């Protein structure tokens, strides 16, 4: 269920201005009719009279109405950004140092904010909720612990913040993509079948785990694609496909040549919580259209996480099915692409004909 906005009414916004509420920064600005300037809710400027105040959803809207950003406001914005970053950094360190999962209420009390404001601020600054950050951190710590031959699986589970084996095993498939013993044994439980073929964009490799498609790679050299697959899954059992599997690669090639045919494949998507949110958003971009990194950040509810969105696109190993080629810069520039800008341009051209 979505949490209702705190600043929906003018009374709510005025209360935030009176409290100099830093969590409200970025949600709206207030303008003063007698001075012609606007600022963020946390501004330390002298409070104006209520009857002289107007509210706008953004700085752009205030400027369109004829207001200008004051010098004090510009300084306040820089100071407020630093303060918000410091609060979030402190929350991250508390999460990382905790022996078990910290509830939102406990974490908020430690940093001196309400649970709602901390949740909103943390997600705005990092692109993740505190809970998702905690899960991602514990997953990374667990992988590191399990990679050490000197650490038992039980100790690795507890050292990573799980206070019981049962709770860990409920989440192990999402955290590791396999059972802990299989991960410790070098991925012996993961079997990945693959095939390499040719399409008009060059060589293509399609790989499938027990859970679904785990890689679609494009390139010039088939051998290099196989090495990339091995580098991506160094601890899995990787085997060449049989004739039946080649039908799958034919389906992917057919989609590349004619995007209008659609592609409906079970995907084995394993990334951080933030990456998975980005990848889901990418799959919602229809053929023939594009979205900017900024738009994707806004769609997933993290408008300030534009760079993190770009990194998530670059981390995508499933070309075409997760269409990161449909994400461009705000000015329409194609930017980069894991498999080459020329391939990105050609994929977009074909999308436009779909």
Protein backbone atom coordinates (compact mmCIF):
# COMPACT_ATOMS: atom_id res chain seq x y z
CA UNK A 1 0.00 0.00 0.00
CA UNK A 2 1.40 3.44 -0.93
CA UNK A 3 2.07 5.86 1.93
CA UNK A 4 -0.02 9.04 1.53
CA UNK A 5 1.80 12.29 0.85
CA UNK A 6 2.32 14.49 3.91
CA UNK A 7 2.41 17.74 1.91
CA UNK A 8 -0.82 17.49 -0.09
CA UNK A 9 -2.51 20.63 1.29
CA UNK A 10 -1.26 24.19 1.72
CA UNK A 11 -1.71 23.82 5.48
CA UNK A 12 0.62 20.81 5.43
CA UNK A 13 3.16 22.74 3.41
CA UNK A 14 3.01 25.80 5.61
CA UNK A 15 3.55 23.61 8.66
CA UNK A 16 6.65 22.14 6.97
CA UNK A 17 7.98 25.66 6.26
CA UNK A 18 7.40 26.70 9.86
CA UNK A 19 9.25 23.59 11.06
CA UNK A 20 12.01 24.07 8.45
CA UNK A 21 11.44 20.43 7.58
CA UNK A 22 14.41 19.18 5.48
CA UNK A 23 12.46 16.06 4.49
CA UNK A 24 10.07 18.32 2.57
CA UNK A 25 12.85 19.71 0.37
CA UNK A 26 12.36 18.59 -3.19
CA UNK A 27 8.62 18.01 -2.63
CA UNK A 28 7.65 21.66 -3.13
CA UNK A 29 8.99 25.21 -2.84
CA UNK A 30 7.44 28.30 -1.29
CA UNK A 31 7.55 31.80 -2.78
CA UNK A 32 7.16 35.16 -1.07
CA UNK A 33 5.02 37.66 -2.98
CA UNK A 34 6.56 40.73 -1.33
CA UNK A 35 10.16 39.82 -2.25
CA UNK A 36 9.66 37.86 -5.48
CA UNK A 37 11.91 34.99 -4.37
CA UNK A 38 11.37 31.33 -3.58
CA UNK A 39 13.14 28.75 -1.46
CA UNK A 40 13.03 25.24 -0.06
CA UNK A 41 10.94 24.43 3.05
CA UNK A 42 14.07 24.03 5.20
CA UNK A 43 15.36 27.52 4.35
CA UNK A 44 16.73 29.38 7.37
CA UNK A 45 15.46 32.71 6.00
CA UNK A 46 13.17 34.81 8.16
CA UNK A 47 9.64 33.40 8.05
CA UNK A 48 7.28 35.53 5.93
CA UNK A 49 3.67 36.24 6.76
CA UNK A 50 1.37 33.43 5.74
CA UNK A 51 -0.74 35.67 3.50
CA UNK A 52 2.36 36.52 1.43
CA UNK A 53 3.28 32.90 0.71
CA UNK A 54 2.50 30.89 -2.42
CA UNK A 55 3.38 27.22 -2.94
CA UNK A 56 4.65 25.51 -6.09
CA UNK A 57 5.34 21.85 -6.83
CA UNK A 58 8.79 22.64 -8.25
CA UNK A 59 11.36 25.39 -8.67
CA UNK A 60 10.59 25.40 -12.40
CA UNK A 61 6.93 26.17 -11.66
CA UNK A 62 7.92 29.01 -9.33
CA UNK A 63 10.24 30.51 -11.94
CA UNK A 64 7.56 30.20 -14.61
CA UNK A 65 5.33 32.29 -12.32
CA UNK A 66 8.01 35.00 -12.20
CA UNK A 67 9.82 34.20 -8.96
CA UNK A 68 13.59 33.85 -8.65
CA UNK A 69 15.78 31.75 -6.40
CA UNK A 70 17.33 33.92 -3.69
CA UNK A 71 21.04 33.84 -2.89
CA UNK A 72 20.21 32.59 0.58
CA UNK A 73 18.07 29.82 -0.93
CA UNK A 74 20.93 28.68 -3.16
CA UNK A 75 23.18 28.45 -0.13
CA UNK A 76 20.46 26.71 1.86
CA UNK A 77 20.00 24.14 -0.89
CA UNK A 78 23.67 23.21 -0.79
CA UNK A 79 23.63 23.02 3.01
CA UNK A 80 20.39 21.01 3.05
CA UNK A 81 21.74 18.54 0.49
CA UNK A 82 24.83 17.98 2.64
CA UNK A 83 22.68 17.47 5.75
CA UNK A 84 20.41 14.98 4.00
CA UNK A 85 23.38 13.06 2.65
CA UNK A 86 24.90 12.93 6.15
CA UNK A 87 21.67 11.58 7.66
CA UNK A 88 21.38 8.87 5.02
CA UNK A 89 25.07 7.97 5.35
CA UNK A 90 24.62 7.60 9.11
CA UNK A 91 21.58 5.37 8.57
CA UNK A 92 23.59 3.21 6.15
CA UNK A 93 26.40 2.79 8.66
CA UNK A 94 23.90 1.81 11.37
CA UNK A 95 22.35 -0.80 9.08
CA UNK A 96 25.77 -2.20 8.21
CA UNK A 97 26.92 -2.35 11.84
CA UNK A 98 23.76 -3.99 13.18
CA UNK A 99 23.94 -7.66 14.09
CA UNK A 100 20.32 -8.18 13.06
CA UNK A 101 17.83 -6.34 10.87
CA UNK A 102 16.91 -2.90 12.27
CA UNK A 103 13.26 -1.92 12.11
CA UNK A 104 12.38 1.40 10.47
CA UNK A 105 11.20 2.78 13.82
CA UNK A 106 14.48 1.96 15.55
CA UNK A 107 16.55 3.34 12.68
CA UNK A 108 14.51 6.55 12.56
CA UNK A 109 14.92 7.11 16.28
CA UNK A 110 18.70 6.72 15.96
CA UNK A 111 18.97 9.44 13.30
CA UNK A 112 16.36 11.74 14.82
CA UNK A 113 13.66 11.61 12.16
CA UNK A 114 10.15 10.23 12.00
CA UNK A 115 9.88 6.80 10.32
CA UNK A 116 7.96 8.32 7.40
CA UNK A 117 10.50 11.08 6.79
CA UNK A 118 13.46 8.70 7.03
CA UNK A 119 11.84 6.23 4.62
CA UNK A 120 11.14 9.00 2.11
CA UNK A 121 14.56 10.65 2.47
CA UNK A 122 16.47 7.36 2.28
CA UNK A 123 14.65 6.26 -0.87
CA UNK A 124 15.11 9.67 -2.50
CA UNK A 125 18.85 9.71 -1.85
CA UNK A 126 19.74 6.06 -2.53
CA UNK A 127 16.94 4.70 -4.71
CA UNK A 128 16.29 1.98 -2.11
CA UNK A 129 14.19 1.72 1.02
CA UNK A 130 16.11 1.09 4.25
CA UNK A 131 14.81 -2.49 4.26
CA UNK A 132 15.95 -3.11 0.67
CA UNK A 133 19.37 -1.60 1.44
CA UNK A 134 19.67 -3.88 4.47
CA UNK A 135 18.78 -6.94 2.38
CA UNK A 136 21.24 -6.02 -0.38
CA UNK A 137 24.03 -5.37 2.17
CA UNK A 138 23.42 -8.66 3.96
CA UNK A 139 23.37 -10.51 0.64
CA UNK A 140 26.75 -9.07 -0.30
CA UNK A 141 28.18 -9.83 3.12
CA UNK A 142 26.85 -13.38 2.95
CA UNK A 143 28.46 -13.99 -0.43
CA UNK A 144 31.77 -12.81 0.98
CA UNK A 145 31.45 -15.02 4.06
CA UNK A 146 30.53 -18.10 2.02
CA UNK A 147 33.50 -17.52 -0.28
CA UNK A 148 35.84 -18.05 2.67
CA UNK A 149 36.82 -21.66 3.23
CA UNK A 150 37.53 -20.85 6.91
CA UNK A 151 33.92 -19.93 7.69
CA UNK A 152 31.19 -22.50 8.27
CA UNK A 153 27.84 -22.00 6.59
CA UNK A 154 26.13 -21.59 9.97
CA UNK A 155 28.60 -18.89 11.04
CA UNK A 156 28.24 -17.15 7.67
CA UNK A 157 24.46 -17.03 8.12
CA UNK A 158 24.65 -15.51 11.59
CA UNK A 159 27.54 -13.16 10.74
CA UNK A 160 25.47 -11.76 7.86
CA UNK A 161 22.67 -10.68 10.18
CA UNK A 162 20.27 -13.61 10.07
CA UNK A 163 19.29 -14.55 13.60
CA UNK A 164 18.02 -17.99 12.63
CA UNK A 165 18.75 -20.61 9.99
CA UNK A 166 15.08 -20.85 9.08
CA UNK A 167 14.80 -17.15 8.30
CA UNK A 168 17.88 -17.36 6.11
CA UNK A 169 16.68 -20.35 4.13
CA UNK A 170 13.38 -18.60 3.43
CA UNK A 171 15.34 -15.85 1.65
CA UNK A 172 18.34 -17.80 0.31
CA UNK A 173 17.03 -18.26 -3.25
CA UNK A 174 16.66 -14.50 -3.69
CA UNK A 175 19.96 -13.65 -1.99
CA UNK A 176 22.21 -16.20 -3.69
CA UNK A 177 20.19 -17.64 -6.56
CA UNK A 178 20.93 -21.11 -5.14
CA UNK A 179 21.29 -22.96 -1.86
CA UNK A 180 24.17 -21.93 0.41
CA UNK A 181 25.91 -25.32 0.09
CA UNK A 182 25.77 -25.09 -3.71
CA UNK A 183 27.19 -21.57 -3.56
CA UNK A 184 29.99 -22.70 -1.23
CA UNK A 185 30.69 -25.68 -3.52
CA UNK A 186 31.36 -23.35 -6.45
CA UNK A 187 27.86 -23.29 -7.88
CA UNK A 188 27.65 -27.05 -8.40
CA UNK A 189 23.86 -26.84 -8.10
CA UNK A 190 23.49 -24.28 -10.89
CA UNK A 191 23.36 -25.68 -14.41
CA UNK A 192 23.38 -23.22 -17.29
CA UNK A 193 22.78 -24.35 -20.85
CA UNK A 194 23.68 -22.07 -23.73
CA UNK A 195 23.81 -21.78 -27.49
CA UNK A 196 25.60 -19.37 -29.82
CA UNK A 197 24.17 -18.28 -33.14
CA UNK A 198 24.27 -15.49 -35.67
CA UNK A 199 21.88 -12.66 -36.38
CA UNK A 200 22.07 -9.47 -38.41
CA UNK A 201 23.71 -7.71 -35.43
CA UNK A 202 26.53 -10.25 -35.21
CA UNK A 203 27.03 -13.14 -32.83
CA UNK A 204 24.40 -13.86 -30.18
CA UNK A 205 24.52 -16.09 -27.10
CA UNK A 206 21.43 -17.20 -25.19
CA UNK A 207 21.81 -18.96 -21.83
CA UNK A 208 19.20 -20.53 -19.58
CA UNK A 209 19.33 -21.62 -15.93
CA UNK A 210 16.82 -23.83 -14.15
CA UNK A 211 14.76 -20.71 -13.47
CA UNK A 212 14.77 -19.05 -16.89
CA UNK A 213 16.83 -17.01 -19.34
CA UNK A 214 19.87 -15.67 -17.48
CA UNK A 215 21.86 -14.10 -20.34
CA UNK A 216 21.41 -12.77 -23.85
CA UNK A 217 24.75 -11.46 -25.08
CA UNK A 218 25.62 -9.70 -28.34
CA UNK A 219 29.04 -9.22 -29.92
CA UNK A 220 31.39 -9.84 -32.81
CA UNK A 221 33.24 -12.92 -31.56
CA UNK A 222 31.35 -16.07 -30.47
CA UNK A 223 34.29 -17.26 -28.37
CA UNK A 224 34.36 -13.95 -26.51
CA UNK A 225 30.65 -14.29 -25.72
CA UNK A 226 31.25 -17.74 -24.23
CA UNK A 227 34.09 -16.35 -22.11
CA UNK A 228 31.83 -13.51 -20.96
CA UNK A 229 29.22 -16.05 -19.91
CA UNK A 230 31.83 -18.02 -17.96
CA UNK A 231 33.05 -14.82 -16.30
CA UNK A 232 29.47 -13.91 -15.37
CA UNK A 233 28.79 -17.34 -13.83
CA UNK A 234 32.25 -18.66 -12.82
CA UNK A 235 30.89 -21.16 -10.32
CA UNK A 236 28.12 -22.72 -12.35
CA UNK A 237 28.14 -25.80 -14.55
CA UNK A 238 27.95 -24.42 -18.09
CA UNK A 239 27.12 -26.82 -20.91
CA UNK A 240 26.46 -26.49 -24.62
CA UNK A 241 22.90 -26.99 -25.78
CA UNK A 242 21.20 -29.67 -27.80
CA UNK A 243 19.06 -29.24 -30.90
CA UNK A 244 15.90 -28.57 -28.91
CA UNK A 245 17.51 -25.59 -27.16
CA UNK A 246 18.37 -24.03 -30.50
CA UNK A 247 14.67 -23.31 -30.96
CA UNK A 248 14.95 -20.87 -28.09
CA UNK A 249 17.81 -18.98 -29.68
CA UNK A 250 15.82 -18.91 -32.92
CA UNK A 251 12.98 -17.26 -31.02
CA UNK A 252 15.30 -14.57 -29.66
CA UNK A 253 16.86 -13.96 -33.08
CA UNK A 254 13.40 -13.67 -34.58
CA UNK A 255 12.50 -11.02 -32.06
CA UNK A 256 15.69 -9.06 -32.77
CA UNK A 257 14.92 -9.07 -36.49
CA UNK A 258 11.23 -8.17 -36.00
CA UNK A 259 10.44 -6.65 -32.57
CA UNK A 260 6.70 -6.55 -33.37
CA UNK A 261 6.57 -10.34 -32.90
CA UNK A 262 7.03 -9.87 -29.15
CA UNK A 263 9.16 -11.91 -26.79
CA UNK A 264 7.73 -13.76 -23.80
CA UNK A 265 10.41 -15.72 -21.98
CA UNK A 266 10.83 -16.69 -18.33
CA UNK A 267 13.76 -14.63 -17.06
CA UNK A 268 16.20 -15.48 -14.29
CA UNK A 269 16.85 -11.93 -13.14
CA UNK A 270 19.26 -11.61 -10.22
CA UNK A 271 20.45 -8.20 -9.14
CA UNK A 272 20.15 -5.76 -6.28
CA UNK A 273 16.69 -4.65 -5.25
CA UNK A 274 17.27 -1.35 -7.05
CA UNK A 275 18.51 -2.99 -10.25
CA UNK A 276 15.48 -5.25 -10.37
CA UNK A 277 13.17 -2.23 -10.05
CA UNK A 278 14.96 -0.57 -12.95
CA UNK A 279 14.87 -3.72 -15.07
CA UNK A 280 11.14 -4.12 -14.48
CA UNK A 281 10.62 -0.53 -15.62
CA UNK A 282 12.66 -1.18 -18.77
CA UNK A 283 10.42 -4.10 -19.71
CA UNK A 284 7.44 -1.74 -19.61
CA UNK A 285 8.86 0.50 -22.38
CA UNK A 286 6.97 -0.52 -25.53
CA UNK A 287 8.74 -1.01 -28.89
CA UNK A 288 9.01 2.19 -30.89
CA UNK A 289 9.39 4.42 -27.84
CA UNK A 290 12.26 5.48 -25.61
CA UNK A 291 12.64 6.84 -22.10
CA UNK A 292 15.37 8.94 -20.54
CA UNK A 293 17.36 7.86 -17.51
CA UNK A 294 15.60 10.67 -15.63
CA UNK A 295 12.17 9.36 -16.63
CA UNK A 296 13.03 5.84 -15.49
CA UNK A 297 14.23 7.21 -12.16
CA UNK A 298 10.91 9.03 -11.76
CA UNK A 299 8.88 5.96 -12.74
CA UNK A 300 10.45 3.83 -10.03
CA UNK A 301 9.92 6.53 -7.42
CA UNK A 302 13.57 7.60 -7.11
CA UNK A 303 13.81 10.85 -9.13
CA UNK A 304 17.29 11.72 -7.88
CA UNK A 305 18.81 8.31 -8.64
CA UNK A 306 19.55 9.03 -12.33
CA UNK A 307 23.15 7.84 -12.19
CA UNK A 308 22.13 4.69 -10.34
CA UNK A 309 19.61 3.99 -13.12
CA UNK A 310 22.38 4.32 -15.69
CA UNK A 311 24.55 1.88 -13.73
CA UNK A 312 21.66 -0.60 -13.52
CA UNK A 313 21.22 -0.40 -17.30
CA UNK A 314 24.94 -1.07 -17.78
CA UNK A 315 24.73 -4.08 -15.43
CA UNK A 316 21.98 -5.73 -17.49
CA UNK A 317 23.11 -9.07 -18.98
CA UNK A 318 19.87 -9.84 -20.81
CA UNK A 319 19.88 -7.84 -24.03
CA UNK A 320 16.63 -7.16 -25.88
CA UNK A 321 14.41 -9.02 -23.38
CA UNK A 322 15.28 -6.35 -20.82
CA UNK A 323 15.43 -3.51 -23.36
CA UNK A 324 18.05 -1.17 -21.94
CA UNK A 325 18.62 -0.03 -25.55
CA UNK A 326 15.39 1.98 -25.23
CA UNK A 327 16.90 4.27 -22.58
CA UNK A 328 18.54 7.46 -23.87
CA UNK A 329 19.79 10.71 -22.46
CA UNK A 330 17.40 13.55 -21.78
CA UNK A 331 18.51 15.37 -24.95
CA UNK A 332 17.88 12.25 -27.06
CA UNK A 333 21.55 11.27 -27.34
CA UNK A 334 21.97 7.49 -27.40
CA UNK A 335 24.67 7.54 -24.70
CA UNK A 336 26.42 4.19 -24.18
CA UNK A 337 25.33 0.60 -24.64
CA UNK A 338 26.91 -2.55 -23.29
CA UNK A 339 26.99 -4.12 -26.75
CA UNK A 340 27.90 -1.03 -28.77
CA UNK A 341 26.09 2.18 -29.75
CA UNK A 342 25.75 1.03 -33.37
CA UNK A 343 23.73 -2.00 -32.23
CA UNK A 344 21.64 0.24 -30.01
CA UNK A 345 20.88 2.54 -32.94
CA UNK A 346 19.88 -0.39 -35.15
CA UNK A 347 17.67 -1.92 -32.44
CA UNK A 348 15.87 1.40 -32.01
CA UNK A 349 15.41 1.66 -35.76
CA UNK A 350 13.77 -1.76 -35.83
CA UNK A 351 11.66 -0.88 -32.80
CA UNK A 352 10.34 2.15 -34.69
CA UNK A 353 9.18 -0.10 -37.54
CA UNK A 354 7.36 -2.47 -35.20
